[in-house]
Amino acid sequence: MATSFIDKARITVKAGNGGNGVVSFHREKYVAAGGPDGGDGGRGGSIILQVDDHMSTLMDFRYKRKYTAPNGADGQGGRRSGKDGADLIIRVPRGTLVRDAESGEIMQDMSTSEPFTLCRGGRGGWGNSHFATPTRQVPRFAKAGLPGESHDVVLELKLLADVGLVGFPNVGKSTLLSVVSKAQPKIANYHFTTLFPNLGVVWVEDGVSFVMADIPGIIEGASEGAGLGHDFLRHVDRCRLLIHVVDVSGSEGRDPVEDFEAINAELRQYSPDLASRPQIVAANKVDILDDPEKLEKLRTHVEAQGYTLLEISAAAHQGTRQLVQKAAEMLSVLPPVTVYEAEYVPKPPVVDASAPLDIQHEDGVWFVEGPWLQRLMGNVNFADYESRMWFDKTLRESGLFQQLESLGIQDGDTVSMYDFEFEYQR
């Protein structure tokens, strides 16, 4: 069944590259030997995710799948640094999970208002003013900027609601939500009236309220993808409490007990943890009940399993107040809404270090450059010890240190790699 609701999207994101450093020398009348004054390149723009509470779907990602932040500008003479690339802010609905597309691991749960840097911009390259020394007064070289990070990610929306309404289509969930909150879902007398989840804030009394989600009607086989399937079952994952709405009127010739068990079977099939969540059974449409025995049969069945059954008529506003009070009472002792911990650990990129590097030696400084080294450094966080150790290990395994020693590098010599310098120690 086609639906305009989008709750999962795959996108490609790339941060901007750092700008290049520049080679420049100060030229001014009456100023002799002004010296190198090349400025550094600007940092590339980062990709930052930000929660937007005005968004309720991932529809914006249906047609735009690639996001690229601007590059940093190149440096200029007069020691002027290039302008940093502007960060690209991508807005997502609250409750969006960010997964690595390859591994499926959670990178971030966008449930708080804190922004998340998904891809860091590349560092800008150094201008030649950085490389001036007493013995190297005219450096005629600068460094290129480093590439920005890139990722393929899957965005998956899991609604942040305290209470989820579950039940077969057309049992009155949308009507109930409209009655107990200010939400205005579309309501009509046909199956699958709700094609996307609706959220509503339910006010109980001063200082007591909760968020309720009307989850689209589940049909048998939904856990295996039938009907609306997993697209909507995932939205009850975060709910602390389920209100299971059952039509007991008999107006459609259905058996309430069979309906109740069918929905719970789908929940168990999808997630045993979800099926074990506390439930309140709302026996709806009691105002048009044709056979009281059906209601009593359902009551006996659900109470034997430890559930509370409340009689309501959402359309007639009957019993709804007692229902929300019971929900608030149960929520007061239940743990908070689930927030998923990040599982993703950045994996070191596979670097083909077989290509030769360009090594230049000048005034005790060894300058090392090469395409694979540039890519490698773009993936290293030099503020992190483990990342630095991996960088050192990769360089050793590439044979670079052995090559430097064969060229005569001495302890204490400086090794310069793009915008990174270190003192060589055997």
Protein backbone atom coordinates (compact mmCIF):
# COMPACT_ATOMS: atom_id res chain seq x y z
CA MET A 1 0.00 0.00 0.00
CA ALA A 2 1.45 3.37 -0.99
CA THR A 3 1.91 5.94 1.72
CA SER A 4 3.21 9.47 1.88
CA PHE A 5 4.83 8.85 5.24
CA ILE A 6 8.57 8.38 5.05
CA ASP A 7 10.25 7.00 8.15
CA LYS A 8 13.45 5.56 6.69
CA ALA A 9 15.91 7.09 4.26
CA ARG A 10 19.44 6.44 3.05
CA ILE A 11 21.64 9.44 2.35
CA THR A 12 25.25 10.17 1.43
CA VAL A 13 27.00 12.97 3.31
CA LYS A 14 30.43 14.52 2.73
CA ALA A 15 32.14 17.25 4.70
CA GLY A 16 34.11 19.93 2.89
CA ASN A 17 37.80 19.62 2.10
CA GLY A 18 40.26 21.92 3.78
CA GLY A 19 41.58 24.84 1.71
CA ASN A 20 45.15 24.84 0.47
CA GLY A 21 47.92 26.83 2.07
CA VAL A 22 49.50 29.44 -0.21
CA VAL A 23 53.06 30.36 -1.17
CA SER A 24 53.49 34.12 -0.87
CA PHE A 25 56.25 36.60 -0.02
CA HIS A 26 55.82 40.03 1.48
CA ARG A 27 56.38 42.75 -1.10
CA GLU A 28 56.32 46.35 0.04
CA LYS A 29 58.21 49.44 -0.95
CA TYR A 30 61.04 50.33 1.45
CA VAL A 31 60.70 46.95 3.24
CA ALA A 32 63.61 44.72 2.35
CA ALA A 33 63.26 40.91 2.48
CA GLY A 34 59.72 40.92 3.81
CA GLY A 35 59.82 37.16 4.01
CA PRO A 36 57.18 34.46 3.52
CA ASP A 37 53.64 35.48 4.39
CA GLY A 38 51.48 32.77 2.86
CA GLY A 39 48.33 32.11 4.89
CA ASP A 40 46.69 28.80 5.80
CA GLY A 41 43.72 27.29 4.07
CA GLY A 42 40.35 27.34 5.82
CA ARG A 43 38.78 24.29 7.42
CA GLY A 44 36.14 22.53 5.37
CA GLY A 45 32.54 22.73 6.52
CA SER A 46 31.24 19.90 8.70
CA ILE A 47 27.95 18.01 8.36
CA ILE A 48 25.89 18.58 11.53
CA LEU A 49 22.56 16.98 12.42
CA GLN A 50 20.08 19.04 14.42
CA VAL A 51 16.68 18.06 15.83
CA ASP A 52 13.74 20.05 14.46
CA ASP A 53 10.52 19.59 16.42
CA HIS A 54 8.52 20.99 13.50
CA MET A 55 9.42 17.92 11.43
CA SER A 56 7.44 14.71 11.87
CA THR A 57 8.64 12.62 8.92
CA LEU A 58 11.77 12.01 6.85
CA MET A 59 9.96 13.20 3.72
CA ASP A 60 12.64 15.83 3.03
CA PHE A 61 15.11 13.03 2.30
CA ARG A 62 12.92 11.30 -0.27
CA TYR A 63 14.28 13.24 -3.24
CA LYS A 64 17.51 14.79 -1.93
CA ARG A 65 19.93 12.01 -1.06
CA LYS A 66 23.36 13.66 -1.28
CA TYR A 67 24.58 16.39 1.07
CA THR A 68 27.96 18.09 0.67
CA ALA A 69 29.36 20.84 2.88
CA PRO A 70 31.43 23.66 1.29
CA ASN A 71 35.19 23.42 1.06
CA GLY A 72 37.47 25.77 2.96
CA ALA A 73 38.95 28.64 0.95
CA ASP A 74 42.63 28.74 0.05
CA GLY A 75 44.96 30.92 2.08
CA GLN A 76 46.12 34.33 0.88
CA GLY A 77 49.20 36.50 1.11
CA GLY A 78 49.74 38.73 4.10
CA ARG A 79 49.32 35.73 6.42
CA ARG A 80 45.60 35.81 5.75
CA SER A 81 43.91 32.48 6.34
CA GLY A 82 41.28 31.26 3.95
CA LYS A 83 37.66 31.40 5.05
CA ASP A 84 36.33 28.26 6.75
CA GLY A 85 33.65 26.40 4.84
CA ALA A 86 30.19 26.89 6.33
CA ASP A 87 28.85 23.93 8.29
CA LEU A 88 25.89 22.23 6.63
CA ILE A 89 23.04 21.79 9.12
CA ILE A 90 20.72 18.88 8.31
CA ARG A 91 17.48 18.98 10.29
CA VAL A 92 15.81 15.74 11.33
CA PRO A 93 12.72 14.86 13.42
CA ARG A 94 13.24 14.15 17.09
CA GLY A 95 13.65 10.41 17.58
CA THR A 96 15.67 9.80 14.40
CA LEU A 97 18.26 7.03 14.64
CA VAL A 98 21.39 7.49 12.54
CA ARG A 99 22.86 4.18 11.38
CA ASP A 100 25.99 3.35 9.45
CA ALA A 101 24.66 2.05 6.13
CA GLU A 102 27.25 -0.72 5.84
CA SER A 103 27.18 -2.21 9.34
CA GLY A 104 23.72 -1.09 10.50
CA GLU A 105 25.26 0.09 13.79
CA ILE A 106 23.71 3.08 15.57
CA MET A 107 25.89 6.18 15.24
CA GLN A 108 23.59 8.56 17.12
CA ASP A 109 20.09 8.75 18.56
CA MET A 110 18.72 12.21 17.78
CA SER A 111 16.41 12.29 20.77
CA THR A 112 17.96 15.28 22.54
CA SER A 113 18.42 18.81 21.26
CA GLU A 114 22.21 18.49 21.18
CA PRO A 115 23.64 18.81 17.63
CA PHE A 116 25.67 15.87 16.32
CA THR A 117 28.68 16.25 14.03
CA LEU A 118 28.24 13.46 11.52
CA CYS A 119 31.22 14.33 9.31
CA ARG A 120 34.14 16.55 10.25
CA GLY A 121 35.48 19.04 7.72
CA GLY A 122 39.04 18.59 6.49
CA ARG A 123 41.81 20.64 8.07
CA GLY A 124 43.23 23.50 6.03
CA GLY A 125 46.78 23.23 4.68
CA TRP A 126 49.57 25.38 6.03
CA GLY A 127 50.90 28.36 4.09
CA ASN A 128 54.61 28.84 3.56
CA SER A 129 54.87 31.27 6.50
CA HIS A 130 54.63 28.19 8.77
CA PHE A 131 57.82 26.71 7.35
CA ALA A 132 60.19 29.65 7.77
CA THR A 133 63.17 28.96 10.03
CA PRO A 134 66.45 30.81 10.66
CA THR A 135 68.13 28.52 8.16
CA ARG A 136 65.18 28.17 5.75
CA GLN A 137 64.14 31.78 5.23
CA VAL A 138 62.57 31.39 1.80
CA PRO A 139 60.31 28.31 1.86
CA ARG A 140 58.76 28.01 -1.59
CA PHE A 141 56.17 25.45 -0.69
CA ALA A 142 52.85 25.18 1.11
CA LYS A 143 50.57 22.27 2.00
CA ALA A 144 47.31 21.13 0.53
CA GLY A 145 44.17 20.89 2.64
CA LEU A 146 42.97 17.52 3.87
CA PRO A 147 39.78 15.86 2.63
CA GLY A 148 36.59 15.97 4.72
CA GLU A 149 34.95 12.85 6.12
CA SER A 150 32.16 11.12 4.25
CA HIS A 151 29.53 8.55 5.21
CA ASP A 152 26.62 6.61 3.83
CA VAL A 153 23.99 6.57 6.56
CA VAL A 154 20.46 5.34 7.09
CA LEU A 155 18.05 7.61 8.95
CA GLU A 156 15.31 5.74 10.79
CA LEU A 157 12.51 7.47 12.66
CA LYS A 158 11.34 5.96 15.94
CA LEU A 159 8.74 8.20 17.51
CA LEU A 160 9.39 9.51 21.00
CA ALA A 161 6.10 8.72 22.68
CA ASP A 162 5.32 7.52 26.19
CA VAL A 163 2.17 5.68 25.15
CA GLY A 164 1.51 3.82 21.91
CA LEU A 165 -1.97 2.96 20.67
CA VAL A 166 -2.02 -0.45 19.02
CA GLY A 167 -4.83 -2.49 17.57
CA PHE A 168 -6.47 -3.52 14.32
CA PRO A 169 -7.40 -0.88 11.75
CA ASN A 170 -10.65 0.97 12.33
CA VAL A 171 -10.97 0.09 16.03
CA GLY A 172 -11.01 3.77 17.05
CA LYS A 173 -7.39 4.64 17.84
CA SER A 174 -7.43 7.90 15.86
CA THR A 175 -10.71 8.91 17.43
CA LEU A 176 -9.33 8.20 20.90
CA LEU A 177 -6.23 10.30 20.25
CA SER A 178 -8.34 13.20 18.98
CA VAL A 179 -10.53 13.04 22.08
CA VAL A 180 -7.80 12.92 24.74
CA SER A 181 -5.36 15.34 23.08
CA LYS A 182 -5.33 18.26 20.66
CA ALA A 183 -4.05 16.08 17.83
CA GLN A 184 -6.23 16.15 14.73
CA PRO A 185 -5.70 12.91 12.84
CA LYS A 186 -7.76 12.25 9.74
CA ILE A 187 -10.63 9.98 10.69
CA ALA A 188 -12.85 8.06 8.32
CA ASN A 189 -14.84 4.84 8.38
CA TYR A 190 -12.57 2.59 6.33
CA HIS A 191 -9.56 0.40 6.99
CA PHE A 192 -6.05 1.84 7.25
CA THR A 193 -7.36 5.30 7.94
CA THR A 194 -4.03 6.16 9.55
CA LEU A 195 -1.19 5.97 7.04
CA PHE A 196 1.33 7.67 9.30
CA PRO A 197 1.66 7.92 13.07
CA ASN A 198 0.09 10.88 14.81
CA LEU A 199 1.41 12.34 18.05
CA GLY A 200 -0.62 14.11 20.67
CA VAL A 201 0.14 15.54 24.11
CA VAL A 202 -2.37 14.29 26.68
CA TRP A 203 -2.96 16.66 29.60
CA VAL A 204 -4.07 14.87 32.77
CA GLU A 205 -3.76 17.57 35.42
CA ASP A 206 -1.37 20.36 36.37
CA GLY A 207 2.18 19.07 35.99
CA VAL A 208 1.07 15.71 34.59
CA SER A 209 1.00 15.04 30.86
CA PHE A 210 2.38 12.51 28.41
CA VAL A 211 2.86 11.97 24.69
CA MET A 212 0.61 9.47 22.95
CA ALA A 213 1.18 8.03 19.47
CA ASP A 214 -1.53 6.61 17.26
CA ILE A 215 0.30 3.76 15.53
CA PRO A 216 -1.26 2.67 12.20
CA GLY A 217 -3.41 -0.44 12.35
CA ILE A 218 -1.49 -3.69 12.45
CA ILE A 219 -2.68 -6.68 10.49
CA GLU A 220 -1.67 -10.30 10.87
CA GLY A 221 1.68 -10.80 9.17
CA ALA A 222 2.83 -7.24 9.82
CA SER A 223 5.95 -8.49 11.61
CA GLU A 224 6.92 -10.20 8.36
CA GLY A 225 6.23 -7.12 6.28
CA ALA A 226 2.58 -7.66 5.36
CA GLY A 227 0.43 -4.58 5.09
CA LEU A 228 2.27 -1.62 6.60
CA GLY A 229 4.58 -4.04 8.41
CA HIS A 230 7.86 -3.00 10.00
CA ASP A 231 7.46 0.53 8.65
CA PHE A 232 5.19 1.26 11.59
CA LEU A 233 5.85 -1.44 14.16
CA ARG A 234 9.17 0.26 14.85
CA HIS A 235 7.36 3.29 16.18
CA VAL A 236 6.19 1.48 19.29
CA ASP A 237 9.77 0.49 20.16
CA ARG A 238 10.25 3.48 22.44
CA CYS A 239 6.82 3.48 24.07
CA ARG A 240 6.81 2.72 27.78
CA LEU A 241 3.17 1.74 27.83
CA LEU A 242 0.81 0.32 25.21
CA ILE A 243 -2.91 0.98 25.10
CA HIS A 244 -4.38 -1.92 23.20
CA VAL A 245 -7.63 -0.76 21.62
CA VAL A 246 -10.10 -3.55 20.87
CA ASP A 247 -13.45 -3.12 19.11
CA VAL A 248 -15.97 -5.01 21.26
CA SER A 249 -19.08 -3.74 19.48
CA GLY A 250 -19.33 -6.62 17.05
CA SER A 251 -20.22 -4.10 14.31
CA GLU A 252 -17.78 -5.73 11.89
CA GLY A 253 -18.36 -9.31 12.93
CA ARG A 254 -14.96 -9.68 14.56
CA ASP A 255 -14.09 -11.62 17.69
CA PRO A 256 -12.43 -9.32 20.29
CA VAL A 257 -10.38 -12.10 21.89
CA GLU A 258 -9.02 -13.25 18.52
CA ASP A 259 -8.15 -9.66 17.60
CA PHE A 260 -6.38 -9.13 20.92
CA GLU A 261 -4.29 -12.29 20.53
CA ALA A 262 -3.49 -11.60 16.86
CA ILE A 263 -2.03 -8.16 17.64
CA ASN A 264 0.01 -9.49 20.56
CA ALA A 265 1.31 -12.30 18.37
CA GLU A 266 2.54 -9.72 15.85
CA LEU A 267 4.23 -7.73 18.61
CA ARG A 268 5.96 -10.88 19.91
CA GLN A 269 7.06 -11.80 16.40
CA TYR A 270 8.54 -8.34 15.86
CA SER A 271 10.11 -7.94 19.31
CA PRO A 272 9.65 -10.09 22.44
CA ASP A 273 10.77 -7.10 24.50
CA LEU A 274 8.04 -4.98 22.97
CA ALA A 275 5.39 -7.62 23.63
CA SER A 276 6.36 -7.62 27.30
CA ARG A 277 5.64 -3.90 27.73
CA PRO A 278 2.80 -3.03 30.13
CA GLN A 279 -0.57 -2.80 28.44
CA ILE A 280 -3.95 -1.34 29.20
CA VAL A 281 -6.73 -2.95 27.20
CA ALA A 282 -9.29 -0.37 26.07
CA ALA A 283 -12.54 -2.11 25.12
CA ASN A 284 -13.87 0.47 22.68
CA LYS A 285 -17.32 1.15 21.19
CA VAL A 286 -19.19 -0.13 24.24
CA ASP A 287 -21.96 2.35 23.44
CA ILE A 288 -22.95 0.27 20.42
CA LEU A 289 -22.21 -3.13 21.95
CA ASP A 290 -24.52 -5.77 20.44
CA ASP A 291 -23.49 -8.70 22.65
CA PRO A 292 -22.35 -8.03 26.26
CA GLU A 293 -21.00 -11.56 26.41
CA LYS A 294 -18.20 -10.58 24.01
CA LEU A 295 -17.06 -7.89 26.41
CA GLU A 296 -17.11 -10.22 29.42
CA LYS A 297 -15.28 -12.91 27.48
CA LEU A 298 -12.54 -10.41 26.59
CA ARG A 299 -12.37 -9.14 30.17
CA THR A 300 -11.90 -12.65 31.55
CA HIS A 301 -9.26 -13.41 28.92
CA VAL A 302 -7.09 -10.31 29.43
CA GLU A 303 -7.38 -10.14 33.22
CA ALA A 304 -6.20 -13.75 33.39
CA GLN A 305 -3.01 -12.51 31.71
CA GLY A 306 -2.59 -9.71 34.24
CA TYR A 307 -3.84 -6.82 32.09
CA THR A 308 -6.25 -4.09 33.14
CA LEU A 309 -9.37 -3.70 30.98
CA LEU A 310 -11.26 -0.42 30.83
CA GLU A 311 -14.53 0.12 28.98
CA ILE A 312 -14.60 3.17 26.75
CA SER A 313 -16.37 4.78 23.83
CA ALA A 314 -13.97 7.19 22.19
CA ALA A 315 -16.70 8.58 19.93
CA ALA A 316 -19.03 9.23 22.88
CA HIS A 317 -16.19 10.44 25.19
CA GLN A 318 -17.17 7.68 27.58
CA GLY A 319 -14.49 6.31 29.96
CA THR A 320 -11.67 8.23 28.23
CA ARG A 321 -10.88 10.32 31.29
CA GLN A 322 -10.44 7.21 33.44
CA LEU A 323 -8.23 5.71 30.72
CA VAL A 324 -5.75 8.61 30.63
CA GLN A 325 -5.66 8.77 34.43
CA LYS A 326 -4.80 5.07 34.57
CA ALA A 327 -2.11 5.58 31.90
CA ALA A 328 -0.60 8.48 33.86
CA GLU A 329 -0.61 6.40 37.05
CA MET A 330 1.28 3.56 35.35
CA LEU A 331 3.74 5.92 33.62
CA SER A 332 4.67 7.47 36.96
CA VAL A 333 6.46 4.26 37.98
CA LEU A 334 7.76 3.11 34.59
CA PRO A 335 11.32 3.84 33.36
CA PRO A 336 11.80 6.76 30.93
CA VAL A 337 11.53 6.53 27.15
CA THR A 338 14.33 4.44 25.65
CA VAL A 339 17.29 6.35 24.24
CA TYR A 340 19.58 4.17 22.16
CA GLU A 341 23.30 4.15 22.88
CA ALA A 342 25.72 4.59 20.01
CA GLU A 343 27.15 1.27 18.80
CA TYR A 344 29.27 2.58 15.97
CA VAL A 345 33.03 2.59 16.31
CA PRO A 346 34.75 4.23 13.33
CA LYS A 347 36.73 1.61 11.49
CA PRO A 348 40.17 2.57 10.21
CA PRO A 349 40.02 3.04 6.44
CA VAL A 350 41.73 0.51 4.23
CA VAL A 351 44.78 2.37 2.95
CA ASP A 352 46.84 1.10 0.05
CA ALA A 353 50.28 2.23 1.20
CA SER A 354 52.14 0.58 -1.68
CA ALA A 355 52.46 3.78 -3.74
CA PRO A 356 55.75 5.63 -3.14
CA LEU A 357 55.73 8.84 -1.14
CA ASP A 358 57.54 12.05 -2.08
CA ILE A 359 60.26 12.71 0.51
CA GLN A 360 62.23 15.96 0.55
CA HIS A 361 64.94 16.94 3.07
CA GLU A 362 65.74 20.56 3.77
CA ASP A 363 67.46 22.15 6.78
CA GLY A 364 66.85 19.22 9.10
CA VAL A 365 63.18 18.92 8.15
CA TRP A 366 61.88 15.92 6.23
CA PHE A 367 58.81 16.71 4.14
CA VAL A 368 56.66 13.69 3.32
CA GLU A 369 53.69 13.83 0.95
CA GLY A 370 51.60 11.52 -1.19
CA PRO A 371 47.97 10.82 -2.13
CA TRP A 372 47.51 7.87 0.21
CA LEU A 373 49.15 9.74 3.11
CA GLN A 374 46.78 12.66 2.55
CA ARG A 375 43.75 10.34 2.65
CA LEU A 376 45.14 8.62 5.74
CA MET A 377 45.60 11.87 7.64
CA GLY A 378 42.09 12.97 6.78
CA ASN A 379 40.84 10.03 8.88
CA VAL A 380 43.06 10.53 11.92
CA ASN A 381 41.93 12.33 15.04
CA PHE A 382 45.27 13.50 16.44
CA ALA A 383 43.62 14.44 19.72
CA ASP A 384 42.85 10.75 20.35
CA TYR A 385 45.64 8.44 21.61
CA GLU A 386 44.30 5.29 19.92
CA SER A 387 43.96 7.13 16.63
CA ARG A 388 47.54 8.38 16.84
CA MET A 389 48.82 4.86 17.63
CA TRP A 390 46.98 3.49 14.60
CA PHE A 391 48.51 6.25 12.46
CA ASP A 392 52.00 5.39 13.73
CA LYS A 393 51.41 1.66 13.12
CA THR A 394 50.21 2.30 9.56
CA LEU A 395 53.29 4.39 8.76
CA ARG A 396 55.62 1.73 10.18
CA GLU A 397 53.94 -1.04 8.22
CA SER A 398 54.17 1.03 5.04
CA GLY A 399 57.99 1.03 5.37
CA LEU A 400 58.17 4.83 5.63
CA PHE A 401 60.32 4.92 8.76
CA GLN A 402 62.73 2.37 7.32
CA GLN A 403 62.94 4.45 4.16
CA LEU A 404 63.66 7.62 6.13
CA GLU A 405 66.40 5.88 8.08
CA SER A 406 67.98 4.66 4.85
CA LEU A 407 67.99 8.30 3.65
CA GLY A 408 69.83 9.37 6.80
CA ILE A 409 67.20 10.78 9.14
CA GLN A 410 68.57 11.49 12.61
CA ASP A 411 66.96 11.46 16.05
CA GLY A 412 65.51 14.90 16.73
CA ASP A 413 64.93 15.74 13.06
CA THR A 414 61.51 17.16 12.27
CA VAL A 415 59.14 15.23 10.01
CA SER A 416 56.47 17.38 8.33
CA MET A 417 53.34 15.77 6.84
CA TYR A 418 50.90 18.35 5.54
CA ASP A 419 49.80 20.32 8.63
CA PHE A 420 51.31 17.85 11.11
CA GLU A 421 54.88 17.90 12.44
CA PHE A 422 56.64 15.59 14.87
CA GLU A 423 60.14 14.94 16.14
CA TYR A 424 61.59 11.70 14.84
CA GLN A 425 62.68 9.14 17.44
CA ARG A 426 63.91 5.67 16.61
